[in-house]
Structure formats: structure tokens, C-alpha cells
Amino acid sequence: MIYNAEDLLKKVEEYGFLPFFKNGIPGYSVEEMCPPELWFTDKEGPWEWKGPVAKSGRCIYGKLFNGKAGFVSKEWIPDFVNYRRDGYDFDARYEDGLAFYKDKDLFDTIAEREVILSKELKEICNYRKGGNKGFDTIITRLQMQGYVCVADFVYAKDKLGKPYGWGIAQYTTPEHFFGYDFIASAYSTDPAASKKMMIDRVKEVLSDAKEQQIVKLLKI
């Protein structure tokens, strides 16, 4: 079971890939590995652990599994990115007509600023009343494709300096966190081969999981 942020990090590193919420593979999520009493409490729980884990340098976090949140350990980031990007850097994807202009606008803004709060990103790219639409869809797609991840969560603070409410996501790129050479280190591997290695990894740690369940979870 997971009782704190370090437990969560160790579990991510043990499995390689760890969804935050329940999915098609029973028991394979932070939601199911963490005691129910820790989810809604005055003490720190899974919601609060996400930020420290995301910025630990030992994994990436974002909407990575079927458009829902989860973690990928550092060991598996290059193959994950290689498979999800299908061998494309973002600029090459856009030049080949495989990405929309709005996706490029968001991606370029994040890459240029390296780390940016979601509310600032929306303001700069005009996702406000009467402006552009579809922010959640686009930012989720960029995360699913492996181009963007969550750097941390920033919380409002009360008069005593105590954080409260829901954290505001900060977005970044995997390259900013780990360097281009590390992120591109699996680019020489066929994306299909990276996919197979990822599937084999989950099979190894979840012997009862069926391959079709794993494929469904890991696919773009």
C-alpha cells in the first residue's frame, strides 16, 4: 500500500507505469493502492503528493493513460516518449501536417517559457471568454503524445501561509526536466519496439493482466 509521497515514487519505479485512477486492470492504480481514509483528510494525501512526486526528477506525471492522470518512471520515459511521439519531435510532426496550429501554439508557449502555470498559458494563448476553445482537449493531447508533462502544482495560501484548495498545474516539457539527449535516447529504436518493451514490462510486474488490457492502457 501507498502511505506517503516516497511510497508513491517507489511504486512508480517498481512498475514503470502507474495510472492515478482505476482503469481496466484491477488494482493497478494509485487510487486502489492508497487507503481510502487518506484521500479526503486534513492531512496530506495522494492529491498533495502529486506535486512533489512530479518534480522529483524520478518520473513524469500528466494525463498519460487514456487521457487520465498517471506516472512514468525515469527509466521508461525515453521509450514511452518514443512510442507516443512515433519518432517525431513536435516541429517535425507539425511540418508533416500531423499536428494542429492550436497544438503548436500551446506547445511553443510552454517550450519557450520552460515552466508555466495553466492559467498563464490560457491567458497568453487567449483561452478566455470569447477567445479560443478546446484548451483541455489540446493540453491532454500534448501530454498523451509525450510532448508536455506537469512540472508541479501551485496552491493558493491563506493568511498563515498554509496552502489550500486545488493546486494549479504548471506545465513543462520532458526535455526541460531531463535534457534533450536523455529524452531522445530511444529515438533510434522503432516506436513499435518501444511499445513492445513497455507491454512486456507491465506483463512482468502484473502477471495476471491480459495483454489486451495492457495495450488499451498504454496506447495513444
C-alpha atoms as a PDB file:
ATOM      1  CA  MET A   1       0.000   0.000   0.000  1.00  0.00           C
ATOM      2  CA  ILE A   2       0.961   3.651  -0.502  1.00  0.00           C
ATOM      3  CA  TYR A   3       1.080   5.861   2.609  1.00  0.00           C
ATOM      4  CA  ASN A   4       3.216   8.824   1.553  1.00  0.00           C
ATOM      5  CA  ALA A   5       4.936  10.503  -1.384  1.00  0.00           C
ATOM      6  CA  GLU A   6       8.077   8.361  -1.126  1.00  0.00           C
ATOM      7  CA  ASP A   7       5.956   5.192  -1.178  1.00  0.00           C
ATOM      8  CA  LEU A   8       4.300   6.517  -4.319  1.00  0.00           C
ATOM      9  CA  LEU A   9       7.637   7.214  -6.005  1.00  0.00           C
ATOM     10  CA  LYS A  10       8.927   3.756  -5.150  1.00  0.00           C
ATOM     11  CA  LYS A  11       5.767   2.199  -6.570  1.00  0.00           C
ATOM     12  CA  VAL A  12       6.147   4.197  -9.799  1.00  0.00           C
ATOM     13  CA  GLU A  13       9.740   2.981 -10.111  1.00  0.00           C
ATOM     14  CA  GLU A  14       8.723  -0.589  -9.328  1.00  0.00           C
ATOM     15  CA  TYR A  15       6.030  -0.713 -12.009  1.00  0.00           C
ATOM     16  CA  GLY A  16       7.445   1.731 -14.557  1.00  0.00           C
ATOM     17  CA  PHE A  17       3.943   2.935 -15.435  1.00  0.00           C
ATOM     18  CA  LEU A  18       1.310   3.743 -12.816  1.00  0.00           C
ATOM     19  CA  PRO A  19      -2.140   5.230 -13.507  1.00  0.00           C
ATOM     20  CA  PHE A  20      -3.558   7.540 -10.850  1.00  0.00           C
ATOM     21  CA  PHE A  21      -7.148   6.322 -11.202  1.00  0.00           C
ATOM     22  CA  LYS A  22      -8.870   2.971 -11.631  1.00  0.00           C
ATOM     23  CA  ASN A  23      -8.646   1.549 -15.127  1.00  0.00           C
ATOM     24  CA  GLY A  24      -9.199  -1.704 -16.986  1.00  0.00           C
ATOM     25  CA  ILE A  25      -6.591  -3.573 -14.914  1.00  0.00           C
ATOM     26  CA  PRO A  26      -7.946  -4.249 -11.390  1.00  0.00           C
ATOM     27  CA  GLY A  27      -5.751  -2.975  -8.562  1.00  0.00           C
ATOM     28  CA  TYR A  28      -3.358  -1.149 -10.878  1.00  0.00           C
ATOM     29  CA  SER A  29      -3.724   2.472  -9.757  1.00  0.00           C
ATOM     30  CA  VAL A  30      -2.770   4.889  -7.019  1.00  0.00           C
ATOM     31  CA  GLU A  31      -6.476   5.120  -6.216  1.00  0.00           C
ATOM     32  CA  GLU A  32      -6.601   1.425  -5.325  1.00  0.00           C
ATOM     33  CA  MET A  33      -3.166   1.214  -3.669  1.00  0.00           C
ATOM     34  CA  CYS A  34      -3.763   4.086  -1.255  1.00  0.00           C
ATOM     35  CA  PRO A  35      -6.014   3.592   1.834  1.00  0.00           C
ATOM     36  CA  PRO A  36      -9.409   5.311   1.376  1.00  0.00           C
ATOM     37  CA  GLU A  37      -9.009   7.315   4.578  1.00  0.00           C
ATOM     38  CA  LEU A  38      -6.032   9.207   3.098  1.00  0.00           C
ATOM     39  CA  TRP A  39      -7.947  10.620   0.131  1.00  0.00           C
ATOM     40  CA  PHE A  40     -10.087  13.199   1.891  1.00  0.00           C
ATOM     41  CA  THR A  41      -8.426  14.297   5.099  1.00  0.00           C
ATOM     42  CA  ASP A  42      -6.891  17.372   6.725  1.00  0.00           C
ATOM     43  CA  LYS A  43      -3.504  15.675   6.413  1.00  0.00           C
ATOM     44  CA  GLU A  44      -1.518  15.255   3.202  1.00  0.00           C
ATOM     45  CA  GLY A  45      -2.770  12.554   0.861  1.00  0.00           C
ATOM     46  CA  PRO A  46      -2.493  11.477  -2.792  1.00  0.00           C
ATOM     47  CA  TRP A  47      -3.792  14.814  -4.094  1.00  0.00           C
ATOM     48  CA  GLU A  48      -0.989  16.656  -2.278  1.00  0.00           C
ATOM     49  CA  TRP A  49       1.709  14.097  -3.144  1.00  0.00           C
ATOM     50  CA  LYS A  50       1.325  14.619  -6.892  1.00  0.00           C
ATOM     51  CA  GLY A  51       3.348  17.842  -6.968  1.00  0.00           C
ATOM     52  CA  PRO A  52       6.398  16.624  -5.011  1.00  0.00           C
ATOM     53  CA  VAL A  53       6.429  13.381  -6.989  1.00  0.00           C
ATOM     54  CA  ALA A  54       6.050  15.192 -10.332  1.00  0.00           C
ATOM     55  CA  LYS A  55       9.020  17.476  -9.643  1.00  0.00           C
ATOM     56  CA  SER A  56      11.215  14.777  -8.068  1.00  0.00           C
ATOM     57  CA  GLY A  57      13.227  14.122 -11.225  1.00  0.00           C
ATOM     58  CA  ARG A  58      12.425  10.415 -10.872  1.00  0.00           C
ATOM     59  CA  CYS A  59       9.360  10.307 -13.138  1.00  0.00           C
ATOM     60  CA  ILE A  60       6.958  12.334 -15.254  1.00  0.00           C
ATOM     61  CA  TYR A  61       3.323  12.998 -14.388  1.00  0.00           C
ATOM     62  CA  GLY A  62       0.408  14.078 -16.521  1.00  0.00           C
ATOM     63  CA  LYS A  63      -2.599  12.817 -18.419  1.00  0.00           C
ATOM     64  CA  LEU A  64      -0.716   9.878 -19.860  1.00  0.00           C
ATOM     65  CA  PHE A  65      -3.146   6.942 -19.863  1.00  0.00           C
ATOM     66  CA  ASN A  66      -6.319   7.170 -21.934  1.00  0.00           C
ATOM     67  CA  GLY A  67      -6.434  10.899 -21.229  1.00  0.00           C
ATOM     68  CA  LYS A  68      -6.256  10.358 -17.475  1.00  0.00           C
ATOM     69  CA  ALA A  69      -3.519  11.088 -14.956  1.00  0.00           C
ATOM     70  CA  GLY A  70      -0.600   8.820 -14.223  1.00  0.00           C
ATOM     71  CA  PHE A  71       3.151   8.444 -13.813  1.00  0.00           C
ATOM     72  CA  VAL A  72       6.009   7.032 -15.890  1.00  0.00           C
ATOM     73  CA  SER A  73       9.314   6.285 -14.157  1.00  0.00           C
ATOM     74  CA  LYS A  74      12.510   7.908 -15.413  1.00  0.00           C
ATOM     75  CA  GLU A  75      13.788   4.545 -16.641  1.00  0.00           C
ATOM     76  CA  TRP A  76      10.902   4.234 -19.077  1.00  0.00           C
ATOM     77  CA  ILE A  77      10.478   7.844 -20.218  1.00  0.00           C
ATOM     78  CA  PRO A  78      12.621   7.526 -23.401  1.00  0.00           C
ATOM     79  CA  ASP A  79      10.669   4.512 -24.701  1.00  0.00           C
ATOM     80  CA  PHE A  80       7.352   5.997 -23.615  1.00  0.00           C
ATOM     81  CA  VAL A  81       8.122   9.240 -25.461  1.00  0.00           C
ATOM     82  CA  ASN A  82       9.496   7.398 -28.496  1.00  0.00           C
ATOM     83  CA  TYR A  83       6.338   5.325 -28.844  1.00  0.00           C
ATOM     84  CA  ARG A  84       3.862   8.115 -28.142  1.00  0.00           C
ATOM     85  CA  ARG A  85       5.623  10.615 -30.438  1.00  0.00           C
ATOM     86  CA  ASP A  86       6.014   7.931 -33.108  1.00  0.00           C
ATOM     87  CA  GLY A  87       9.578   9.149 -33.643  1.00  0.00           C
ATOM     88  CA  TYR A  88       8.618  12.799 -34.200  1.00  0.00           C
ATOM     89  CA  ASP A  89       9.880  15.904 -32.460  1.00  0.00           C
ATOM     90  CA  PHE A  90       6.953  18.318 -32.289  1.00  0.00           C
ATOM     91  CA  ASP A  91       8.205  20.617 -35.056  1.00  0.00           C
ATOM     92  CA  ALA A  92       8.619  17.675 -37.429  1.00  0.00           C
ATOM     93  CA  ARG A  93       5.112  16.458 -36.565  1.00  0.00           C
ATOM     94  CA  TYR A  94       3.688  19.900 -37.332  1.00  0.00           C
ATOM     95  CA  GLU A  95       5.646  20.274 -40.585  1.00  0.00           C
ATOM     96  CA  ASP A  96       4.294  16.923 -41.757  1.00  0.00           C
ATOM     97  CA  GLY A  97       0.739  18.101 -41.138  1.00  0.00           C
ATOM     98  CA  LEU A  98       0.204  15.770 -38.166  1.00  0.00           C
ATOM     99  CA  ALA A  99      -0.473  18.483 -35.569  1.00  0.00           C
ATOM    100  CA  PHE A 100      -2.914  21.382 -35.411  1.00  0.00           C
ATOM    101  CA  TYR A 101      -1.911  25.046 -35.208  1.00  0.00           C
ATOM    102  CA  LYS A 102      -3.544  25.397 -31.779  1.00  0.00           C
ATOM    103  CA  ASP A 103      -1.445  22.475 -30.526  1.00  0.00           C
ATOM    104  CA  LYS A 104       1.696  24.192 -31.836  1.00  0.00           C
ATOM    105  CA  ASP A 105       0.726  27.476 -30.211  1.00  0.00           C
ATOM    106  CA  LEU A 106       0.348  25.856 -26.780  1.00  0.00           C
ATOM    107  CA  PHE A 107       3.443  23.691 -27.172  1.00  0.00           C
ATOM    108  CA  ASP A 108       5.651  26.559 -28.339  1.00  0.00           C
ATOM    109  CA  THR A 109       4.475  28.759 -25.464  1.00  0.00           C
ATOM    110  CA  ILE A 110       5.288  26.053 -22.908  1.00  0.00           C
ATOM    111  CA  ALA A 111       8.660  25.247 -24.502  1.00  0.00           C
ATOM    112  CA  GLU A 112       9.694  28.913 -24.694  1.00  0.00           C
ATOM    113  CA  ARG A 113       8.851  29.607 -21.054  1.00  0.00           C
ATOM    114  CA  GLU A 114      10.078  26.187 -19.856  1.00  0.00           C
ATOM    115  CA  VAL A 115       7.597  26.122 -16.935  1.00  0.00           C
ATOM    116  CA  ILE A 116       4.246  27.903 -16.964  1.00  0.00           C
ATOM    117  CA  LEU A 117       1.067  27.910 -14.886  1.00  0.00           C
ATOM    118  CA  SER A 118      -2.027  26.699 -16.708  1.00  0.00           C
ATOM    119  CA  LYS A 119      -3.876  29.970 -16.046  1.00  0.00           C
ATOM    120  CA  GLU A 120      -0.985  31.979 -17.544  1.00  0.00           C
ATOM    121  CA  LEU A 121      -0.838  29.645 -20.524  1.00  0.00           C
ATOM    122  CA  LYS A 122      -4.568  30.143 -21.125  1.00  0.00           C
ATOM    123  CA  GLU A 123      -4.180  33.903 -20.901  1.00  0.00           C
ATOM    124  CA  ILE A 124      -1.223  34.111 -23.280  1.00  0.00           C
ATOM    125  CA  CYS A 125      -2.885  31.833 -25.845  1.00  0.00           C
ATOM    126  CA  ASN A 126      -6.275  33.541 -25.478  1.00  0.00           C
ATOM    127  CA  TYR A 127      -8.274  30.721 -23.895  1.00  0.00           C
ATOM    128  CA  ARG A 128     -10.692  33.023 -22.157  1.00  0.00           C
ATOM    129  CA  LYS A 129     -14.321  34.022 -22.613  1.00  0.00           C
ATOM    130  CA  GLY A 130     -14.847  34.920 -26.256  1.00  0.00           C
ATOM    131  CA  GLY A 131     -11.423  33.562 -27.222  1.00  0.00           C
ATOM    132  CA  ASN A 132     -10.065  30.173 -28.258  1.00  0.00           C
ATOM    133  CA  LYS A 133     -11.819  26.997 -27.166  1.00  0.00           C
ATOM    134  CA  GLY A 134     -10.725  23.436 -26.514  1.00  0.00           C
ATOM    135  CA  PHE A 135      -7.835  24.039 -24.093  1.00  0.00           C
ATOM    136  CA  ASP A 136      -8.405  20.867 -22.056  1.00  0.00           C
ATOM    137  CA  THR A 137      -8.595  18.715 -25.183  1.00  0.00           C
ATOM    138  CA  ILE A 138      -5.385  20.156 -26.634  1.00  0.00           C
ATOM    139  CA  ILE A 139      -3.308  20.076 -23.443  1.00  0.00           C
ATOM    140  CA  THR A 140      -4.411  16.489 -22.834  1.00  0.00           C
ATOM    141  CA  ARG A 141      -3.437  15.508 -26.375  1.00  0.00           C
ATOM    142  CA  LEU A 142       0.025  17.071 -25.953  1.00  0.00           C
ATOM    143  CA  GLN A 143       0.513  15.080 -22.751  1.00  0.00           C
ATOM    144  CA  MET A 144      -0.731  11.845 -24.310  1.00  0.00           C
ATOM    145  CA  GLN A 145       1.686  12.345 -27.227  1.00  0.00           C
ATOM    146  CA  GLY A 146       4.586  12.769 -24.800  1.00  0.00           C
ATOM    147  CA  TYR A 147       5.387  16.417 -25.581  1.00  0.00           C
ATOM    148  CA  VAL A 148       4.149  18.017 -22.352  1.00  0.00           C
ATOM    149  CA  CYS A 149       4.015  16.965 -18.700  1.00  0.00           C
ATOM    150  CA  VAL A 150       3.137  18.525 -15.342  1.00  0.00           C
ATOM    151  CA  ALA A 151       6.052  20.147 -13.509  1.00  0.00           C
ATOM    152  CA  ASP A 152       4.272  20.832 -10.205  1.00  0.00           C
ATOM    153  CA  PHE A 153       1.068  22.158  -8.651  1.00  0.00           C
ATOM    154  CA  VAL A 154       0.871  25.649  -7.136  1.00  0.00           C
ATOM    155  CA  TYR A 155      -1.578  26.309  -4.307  1.00  0.00           C
ATOM    156  CA  ALA A 156      -3.185  29.478  -3.030  1.00  0.00           C
ATOM    157  CA  LYS A 157      -2.223  30.296   0.581  1.00  0.00           C
ATOM    158  CA  ASP A 158      -4.223  31.651   3.499  1.00  0.00           C
ATOM    159  CA  LYS A 159      -3.132  34.436   5.854  1.00  0.00           C
ATOM    160  CA  LEU A 160      -0.969  31.981   7.791  1.00  0.00           C
ATOM    161  CA  GLY A 161       0.789  30.827   4.664  1.00  0.00           C
ATOM    162  CA  LYS A 162      -0.974  27.474   4.636  1.00  0.00           C
ATOM    163  CA  PRO A 163      -1.856  26.153   1.154  1.00  0.00           C
ATOM    164  CA  TYR A 164      -5.495  25.432   0.405  1.00  0.00           C
ATOM    165  CA  GLY A 165      -7.840  24.476  -2.418  1.00  0.00           C
ATOM    166  CA  TRP A 166      -6.987  22.640  -5.618  1.00  0.00           C
ATOM    167  CA  GLY A 167      -3.477  23.102  -6.960  1.00  0.00           C
ATOM    168  CA  ILE A 168      -2.987  24.881 -10.275  1.00  0.00           C
ATOM    169  CA  ALA A 169      -0.940  22.814 -12.707  1.00  0.00           C
ATOM    170  CA  GLN A 170       2.394  24.030 -14.018  1.00  0.00           C
ATOM    171  CA  TYR A 171       3.225  22.630 -17.444  1.00  0.00           C
ATOM    172  CA  THR A 172       6.651  21.901 -18.875  1.00  0.00           C
ATOM    173  CA  THR A 173       8.312  19.624 -21.421  1.00  0.00           C
ATOM    174  CA  PRO A 174      10.157  16.386 -20.629  1.00  0.00           C
ATOM    175  CA  GLU A 175      13.193  17.939 -22.366  1.00  0.00           C
ATOM    176  CA  HIS A 176      13.272  20.780 -19.843  1.00  0.00           C
ATOM    177  CA  PHE A 177      13.235  18.335 -16.936  1.00  0.00           C
ATOM    178  CA  PHE A 178      15.666  15.729 -18.225  1.00  0.00           C
ATOM    179  CA  GLY A 179      17.524  17.251 -21.174  1.00  0.00           C
ATOM    180  CA  TYR A 180      17.069  16.626 -24.879  1.00  0.00           C
ATOM    181  CA  ASP A 181      19.712  13.884 -25.142  1.00  0.00           C
ATOM    182  CA  PHE A 182      18.038  11.754 -22.473  1.00  0.00           C
ATOM    183  CA  ILE A 183      14.539  12.199 -23.896  1.00  0.00           C
ATOM    184  CA  ALA A 184      15.740  11.423 -27.440  1.00  0.00           C
ATOM    185  CA  SER A 185      17.888   8.467 -26.360  1.00  0.00           C
ATOM    186  CA  ALA A 186      15.371   5.912 -27.682  1.00  0.00           C
ATOM    187  CA  TYR A 187      14.718   7.718 -30.987  1.00  0.00           C
ATOM    188  CA  SER A 188      16.889   5.178 -32.822  1.00  0.00           C
ATOM    189  CA  THR A 189      14.520   2.427 -31.663  1.00  0.00           C
ATOM    190  CA  ASP A 190      11.466   1.612 -33.764  1.00  0.00           C
ATOM    191  CA  PRO A 191       8.423   3.014 -31.894  1.00  0.00           C
ATOM    192  CA  ALA A 192       6.744  -0.401 -32.230  1.00  0.00           C
ATOM    193  CA  ALA A 193       9.716  -1.956 -30.417  1.00  0.00           C
ATOM    194  CA  SER A 194       9.412   0.611 -27.617  1.00  0.00           C
ATOM    195  CA  LYS A 195       5.720  -0.259 -27.334  1.00  0.00           C
ATOM    196  CA  LYS A 196       6.507  -3.985 -27.047  1.00  0.00           C
ATOM    197  CA  MET A 197       9.109  -3.370 -24.340  1.00  0.00           C
ATOM    198  CA  MET A 198       6.572  -1.327 -22.377  1.00  0.00           C
ATOM    199  CA  ILE A 199       3.946  -4.053 -22.688  1.00  0.00           C
ATOM    200  CA  ASP A 200       6.476  -6.688 -21.604  1.00  0.00           C
ATOM    201  CA  ARG A 201       7.390  -4.567 -18.580  1.00  0.00           C
ATOM    202  CA  VAL A 202       3.790  -4.374 -17.379  1.00  0.00           C
ATOM    203  CA  LYS A 203       3.362  -8.107 -18.015  1.00  0.00           C
ATOM    204  CA  GLU A 204       6.428  -8.716 -15.873  1.00  0.00           C
ATOM    205  CA  VAL A 205       5.090  -6.792 -12.859  1.00  0.00           C
ATOM    206  CA  LEU A 206       1.412  -7.703 -13.361  1.00  0.00           C
ATOM    207  CA  SER A 207       1.374 -11.370 -14.284  1.00  0.00           C
ATOM    208  CA  ASP A 208      -2.428 -11.578 -14.081  1.00  0.00           C
ATOM    209  CA  ALA A 209      -3.037  -8.703 -16.514  1.00  0.00           C
ATOM    210  CA  LYS A 210      -4.136  -9.638 -20.015  1.00  0.00           C
ATOM    211  CA  GLU A 211      -2.205  -8.239 -22.953  1.00  0.00           C
ATOM    212  CA  GLN A 212      -5.285  -6.557 -24.430  1.00  0.00           C
ATOM    213  CA  GLN A 213      -5.808  -4.705 -21.126  1.00  0.00           C
ATOM    214  CA  ILE A 214      -2.188  -3.521 -21.126  1.00  0.00           C
ATOM    215  CA  VAL A 215      -2.322  -2.458 -24.791  1.00  0.00           C
ATOM    216  CA  LYS A 216      -5.500  -0.482 -24.160  1.00  0.00           C
ATOM    217  CA  LEU A 217      -3.876   1.319 -21.235  1.00  0.00           C
ATOM    218  CA  LEU A 218      -0.583   2.159 -22.957  1.00  0.00           C
ATOM    219  CA  LYS A 219      -1.788   3.034 -26.457  1.00  0.00           C
ATOM    220  CA  ILE A 220      -2.023   6.589 -27.736  1.00  0.00           C
END
